[in-house]
Amino acid sequence: MSAAAKGKGRIEAEARVAWAGWGGKVEGRSGRLKARTATQVELGGPGKGTNPEELLAAALANCYTSTITAQARARGIALKRIETTARTRLSWDRATPHHIAEGKLSVAISSRAPAAALRRLAHEAREHCPICNLFGASAKVSLKVTLRQD
């Protein structure tokens, strides 16, 4: 039995941003994440790179997908294919500072499992996804589920 299955465990990640002027680069400690980053056009920058909201959308999609696939394996539900799209929205006004105001997930699941079990799995994964829960400070994450029975 894995440490995670026993209720124990810890995962840590680290990233570093080197910045000058309007942009820089972000690198993950694993060496797998390397991207140019820049201040968004909407905030007066050049927009010639990724930005925190895009990185957060990628983290949301990846974390949700990881959560749903782990829960499916634990329940013996075979997933043929899963495709997750995530969208984040940064908002602000004079009264409210910059904050993540919205998260949207859209997941397409291909499986022969019963539709009710797949929908339950999808919604429970949203409740257990650490990035979805992180959004709780300022926004709720909506979820759209599409099923393909094949």
C-alpha atoms as a PDB file:
ATOM      1  CA  MET A   1       0.000   0.000   0.000  1.00  0.00           C
ATOM      2  CA  SER A   2       1.376   3.412  -0.933  1.00  0.00           C
ATOM      3  CA  ALA A   3       1.995   6.191   1.589  1.00  0.00           C
ATOM      4  CA  ALA A   4      -0.853   8.171   0.006  1.00  0.00           C
ATOM      5  CA  ALA A   5      -3.241   5.258   0.467  1.00  0.00           C
ATOM      6  CA  LYS A   6      -2.246   5.054   4.151  1.00  0.00           C
ATOM      7  CA  GLY A   7      -3.152   8.710   4.605  1.00  0.00           C
ATOM      8  CA  LYS A   8       0.459   9.829   4.848  1.00  0.00           C
ATOM      9  CA  GLY A   9       2.560  11.708   2.404  1.00  0.00           C
ATOM     10  CA  ARG A  10       3.721  15.028   1.180  1.00  0.00           C
ATOM     11  CA  ILE A  11       4.541  16.448  -2.202  1.00  0.00           C
ATOM     12  CA  GLU A  12       6.519  19.621  -2.603  1.00  0.00           C
ATOM     13  CA  ALA A  13       7.224  21.592  -5.741  1.00  0.00           C
ATOM     14  CA  GLU A  14       9.363  24.616  -6.406  1.00  0.00           C
ATOM     15  CA  ALA A  15       9.552  27.162  -9.199  1.00  0.00           C
ATOM     16  CA  ARG A  16      11.680  30.236  -9.729  1.00  0.00           C
ATOM     17  CA  VAL A  17      11.057  33.361 -11.781  1.00  0.00           C
ATOM     18  CA  ALA A  18      13.923  35.516 -13.008  1.00  0.00           C
ATOM     19  CA  TRP A  19      12.538  38.894 -14.099  1.00  0.00           C
ATOM     20  CA  ALA A  20      13.837  42.104 -15.653  1.00  0.00           C
ATOM     21  CA  GLY A  21      11.692  44.941 -16.991  1.00  0.00           C
ATOM     22  CA  TRP A  22       8.426  43.561 -18.374  1.00  0.00           C
ATOM     23  CA  GLY A  23       9.287  39.875 -18.477  1.00  0.00           C
ATOM     24  CA  GLY A  24      11.455  36.967 -17.603  1.00  0.00           C
ATOM     25  CA  LYS A  25      11.298  33.215 -17.381  1.00  0.00           C
ATOM     26  CA  VAL A  26       9.764  30.725 -15.017  1.00  0.00           C
ATOM     27  CA  GLU A  27      11.430  27.378 -14.357  1.00  0.00           C
ATOM     28  CA  GLY A  28      10.313  24.485 -12.218  1.00  0.00           C
ATOM     29  CA  ARG A  29      12.857  22.721 -10.066  1.00  0.00           C
ATOM     30  CA  SER A  30      12.092  19.426 -11.833  1.00  0.00           C
ATOM     31  CA  GLY A  31      13.481  20.897 -15.060  1.00  0.00           C
ATOM     32  CA  ARG A  32      10.269  20.081 -16.928  1.00  0.00           C
ATOM     33  CA  LEU A  33       8.691  23.553 -16.697  1.00  0.00           C
ATOM     34  CA  LYS A  34      10.474  26.279 -18.638  1.00  0.00           C
ATOM     35  CA  ALA A  35       8.563  29.209 -20.085  1.00  0.00           C
ATOM     36  CA  ARG A  36       8.967  32.870 -20.914  1.00  0.00           C
ATOM     37  CA  THR A  37       6.751  35.051 -18.773  1.00  0.00           C
ATOM     38  CA  ALA A  38       5.651  38.633 -19.298  1.00  0.00           C
ATOM     39  CA  THR A  39       3.242  41.180 -17.941  1.00  0.00           C
ATOM     40  CA  GLN A  40      -0.075  40.864 -19.759  1.00  0.00           C
ATOM     41  CA  VAL A  41      -1.088  43.415 -22.390  1.00  0.00           C
ATOM     42  CA  GLU A  42      -4.194  44.161 -20.299  1.00  0.00           C
ATOM     43  CA  LEU A  43      -1.892  45.296 -17.480  1.00  0.00           C
ATOM     44  CA  GLY A  44       0.320  47.451 -19.710  1.00  0.00           C
ATOM     45  CA  GLY A  45       2.963  44.857 -20.568  1.00  0.00           C
ATOM     46  CA  PRO A  46       4.085  43.292 -23.831  1.00  0.00           C
ATOM     47  CA  GLY A  47       2.211  40.015 -23.331  1.00  0.00           C
ATOM     48  CA  LYS A  48       4.966  38.014 -25.017  1.00  0.00           C
ATOM     49  CA  GLY A  49       4.980  35.120 -22.616  1.00  0.00           C
ATOM     50  CA  THR A  50       2.881  33.155 -20.200  1.00  0.00           C
ATOM     51  CA  ASN A  51       1.413  34.798 -17.123  1.00  0.00           C
ATOM     52  CA  PRO A  52       0.208  33.783 -13.650  1.00  0.00           C
ATOM     53  CA  GLU A  53      -3.402  33.305 -14.740  1.00  0.00           C
ATOM     54  CA  GLU A  54      -2.409  30.983 -17.598  1.00  0.00           C
ATOM     55  CA  LEU A  55      -0.092  29.037 -15.291  1.00  0.00           C
ATOM     56  CA  LEU A  56      -2.904  28.792 -12.750  1.00  0.00           C
ATOM     57  CA  ALA A  57      -5.294  27.526 -15.452  1.00  0.00           C
ATOM     58  CA  ALA A  58      -2.701  24.890 -16.410  1.00  0.00           C
ATOM     59  CA  ALA A  59      -2.298  23.921 -12.752  1.00  0.00           C
ATOM     60  CA  LEU A  60      -6.080  23.697 -12.335  1.00  0.00           C
ATOM     61  CA  ALA A  61      -6.516  21.472 -15.408  1.00  0.00           C
ATOM     62  CA  ASN A  62      -3.572  19.267 -14.475  1.00  0.00           C
ATOM     63  CA  CYS A  63      -4.521  18.932 -10.803  1.00  0.00           C
ATOM     64  CA  TYR A  64      -8.161  18.161 -11.567  1.00  0.00           C
ATOM     65  CA  THR A  65      -7.153  15.551 -14.154  1.00  0.00           C
ATOM     66  CA  SER A  66      -4.714  13.965 -11.730  1.00  0.00           C
ATOM     67  CA  THR A  67      -7.379  13.895  -9.017  1.00  0.00           C
ATOM     68  CA  ILE A  68     -10.102  12.349 -11.170  1.00  0.00           C
ATOM     69  CA  THR A  69      -7.792   9.699 -12.638  1.00  0.00           C
ATOM     70  CA  ALA A  70      -6.466   8.747  -9.178  1.00  0.00           C
ATOM     71  CA  GLN A  71     -10.000   8.451  -7.820  1.00  0.00           C
ATOM     72  CA  ALA A  72     -11.084   6.411 -10.848  1.00  0.00           C
ATOM     73  CA  ARG A  73      -8.194   3.959 -10.322  1.00  0.00           C
ATOM     74  CA  ALA A  74      -9.026   3.662  -6.616  1.00  0.00           C
ATOM     75  CA  ARG A  75     -12.665   2.836  -7.488  1.00  0.00           C
ATOM     76  CA  GLY A  76     -11.842   0.461 -10.326  1.00  0.00           C
ATOM     77  CA  ILE A  77     -13.414   2.735 -12.959  1.00  0.00           C
ATOM     78  CA  ALA A  78     -11.637   2.410 -16.299  1.00  0.00           C
ATOM     79  CA  LEU A  79     -11.225   5.690 -18.155  1.00  0.00           C
ATOM     80  CA  LYS A  80     -10.367   5.385 -21.822  1.00  0.00           C
ATOM     81  CA  ARG A  81      -9.576   9.076 -22.249  1.00  0.00           C
ATOM     82  CA  ILE A  82     -10.034  12.269 -20.315  1.00  0.00           C
ATOM     83  CA  GLU A  83      -9.573  15.812 -21.573  1.00  0.00           C
ATOM     84  CA  THR A  84      -9.748  18.759 -19.202  1.00  0.00           C
ATOM     85  CA  THR A  85      -9.862  22.444 -20.106  1.00  0.00           C
ATOM     86  CA  ALA A  86      -9.551  25.101 -17.417  1.00  0.00           C
ATOM     87  CA  ARG A  87     -10.101  28.838 -17.534  1.00  0.00           C
ATOM     88  CA  THR A  88      -9.272  31.408 -14.877  1.00  0.00           C
ATOM     89  CA  ARG A  89     -10.345  35.038 -14.641  1.00  0.00           C
ATOM     90  CA  LEU A  90      -8.438  37.783 -12.870  1.00  0.00           C
ATOM     91  CA  SER A  91     -10.618  40.715 -11.764  1.00  0.00           C
ATOM     92  CA  TRP A  92     -10.200  44.001  -9.923  1.00  0.00           C
ATOM     93  CA  ASP A  93     -11.827  47.340  -9.390  1.00  0.00           C
ATOM     94  CA  ARG A  94     -11.279  50.363  -7.162  1.00  0.00           C
ATOM     95  CA  ALA A  95     -12.837  48.617  -4.166  1.00  0.00           C
ATOM     96  CA  THR A  96     -11.352  45.137  -4.661  1.00  0.00           C
ATOM     97  CA  PRO A  97      -7.692  44.343  -5.335  1.00  0.00           C
ATOM     98  CA  HIS A  98      -6.556  41.895  -8.036  1.00  0.00           C
ATOM     99  CA  HIS A  99      -7.997  38.470  -7.308  1.00  0.00           C
ATOM    100  CA  ILE A 100      -8.921  35.274  -9.076  1.00  0.00           C
ATOM    101  CA  ALA A 101     -12.644  35.760  -9.518  1.00  0.00           C
ATOM    102  CA  GLU A 102     -13.540  32.635 -11.429  1.00  0.00           C
ATOM    103  CA  GLY A 103     -12.386  29.183 -12.353  1.00  0.00           C
ATOM    104  CA  LYS A 104     -14.084  27.070 -14.983  1.00  0.00           C
ATOM    105  CA  LEU A 105     -13.432  23.413 -15.665  1.00  0.00           C
ATOM    106  CA  SER A 106     -14.720  21.460 -18.616  1.00  0.00           C
ATOM    107  CA  VAL A 107     -14.008  17.739 -18.672  1.00  0.00           C
ATOM    108  CA  ALA A 108     -14.726  15.193 -21.410  1.00  0.00           C
ATOM    109  CA  ILE A 109     -14.588  11.600 -20.227  1.00  0.00           C
ATOM    110  CA  SER A 110     -14.530   8.544 -22.491  1.00  0.00           C
ATOM    111  CA  SER A 111     -15.405   5.360 -20.623  1.00  0.00           C
ATOM    112  CA  ARG A 112     -17.713   2.375 -20.661  1.00  0.00           C
ATOM    113  CA  ALA A 113     -18.584   2.936 -17.004  1.00  0.00           C
ATOM    114  CA  PRO A 114     -22.170   3.922 -16.124  1.00  0.00           C
ATOM    115  CA  ALA A 115     -22.900   7.603 -16.736  1.00  0.00           C
ATOM    116  CA  ALA A 116     -24.095   8.188 -13.159  1.00  0.00           C
ATOM    117  CA  ALA A 117     -20.830   6.803 -11.745  1.00  0.00           C
ATOM    118  CA  LEU A 118     -18.786   8.994 -14.102  1.00  0.00           C
ATOM    119  CA  ARG A 119     -20.719  12.140 -13.204  1.00  0.00           C
ATOM    120  CA  ARG A 120     -20.354  11.391  -9.494  1.00  0.00           C
ATOM    121  CA  LEU A 121     -16.622  10.795 -10.007  1.00  0.00           C
ATOM    122  CA  ALA A 122     -16.241  14.101 -11.887  1.00  0.00           C
ATOM    123  CA  HIS A 123     -18.014  16.152  -9.214  1.00  0.00           C
ATOM    124  CA  GLU A 124     -16.231  14.451  -6.316  1.00  0.00           C
ATOM    125  CA  ALA A 125     -12.882  15.071  -8.007  1.00  0.00           C
ATOM    126  CA  ARG A 126     -13.702  18.787  -8.045  1.00  0.00           C
ATOM    127  CA  GLU A 127     -14.320  18.630  -4.294  1.00  0.00           C
ATOM    128  CA  HIS A 128     -10.991  16.857  -3.664  1.00  0.00           C
ATOM    129  CA  CYS A 129      -8.739  18.681  -6.138  1.00  0.00           C
ATOM    130  CA  PRO A 130      -6.228  20.803  -4.159  1.00  0.00           C
ATOM    131  CA  ILE A 131      -6.173  23.604  -6.769  1.00  0.00           C
ATOM    132  CA  CYS A 132      -9.988  23.729  -6.869  1.00  0.00           C
ATOM    133  CA  ASN A 133      -9.923  24.052  -3.092  1.00  0.00           C
ATOM    134  CA  LEU A 134      -7.302  26.792  -3.306  1.00  0.00           C
ATOM    135  CA  PHE A 135      -9.715  28.814  -5.415  1.00  0.00           C
ATOM    136  CA  GLY A 136     -12.123  28.821  -2.472  1.00  0.00           C
ATOM    137  CA  ALA A 137     -10.442  31.929  -1.050  1.00  0.00           C
ATOM    138  CA  SER A 138     -11.891  34.152  -3.770  1.00  0.00           C
ATOM    139  CA  ALA A 139     -13.827  32.127  -6.327  1.00  0.00           C
ATOM    140  CA  LYS A 140     -15.760  28.964  -6.973  1.00  0.00           C
ATOM    141  CA  VAL A 141     -14.817  26.525  -9.698  1.00  0.00           C
ATOM    142  CA  SER A 142     -17.670  25.576 -12.025  1.00  0.00           C
ATOM    143  CA  LEU A 143     -17.639  22.227 -13.789  1.00  0.00           C
ATOM    144  CA  LYS A 144     -19.091  21.075 -17.110  1.00  0.00           C
ATOM    145  CA  VAL A 145     -19.009  17.311 -17.720  1.00  0.00           C
ATOM    146  CA  THR A 146     -19.292  15.683 -21.149  1.00  0.00           C
ATOM    147  CA  LEU A 147     -19.472  11.879 -21.349  1.00  0.00           C
ATOM    148  CA  ARG A 148     -18.596   9.633 -24.257  1.00  0.00           C
ATOM    149  CA  GLN A 149     -19.702   6.052 -23.716  1.00  0.00           C
ATOM    150  CA  ASP A 150     -17.166   4.095 -25.751  1.00  0.00           C
END
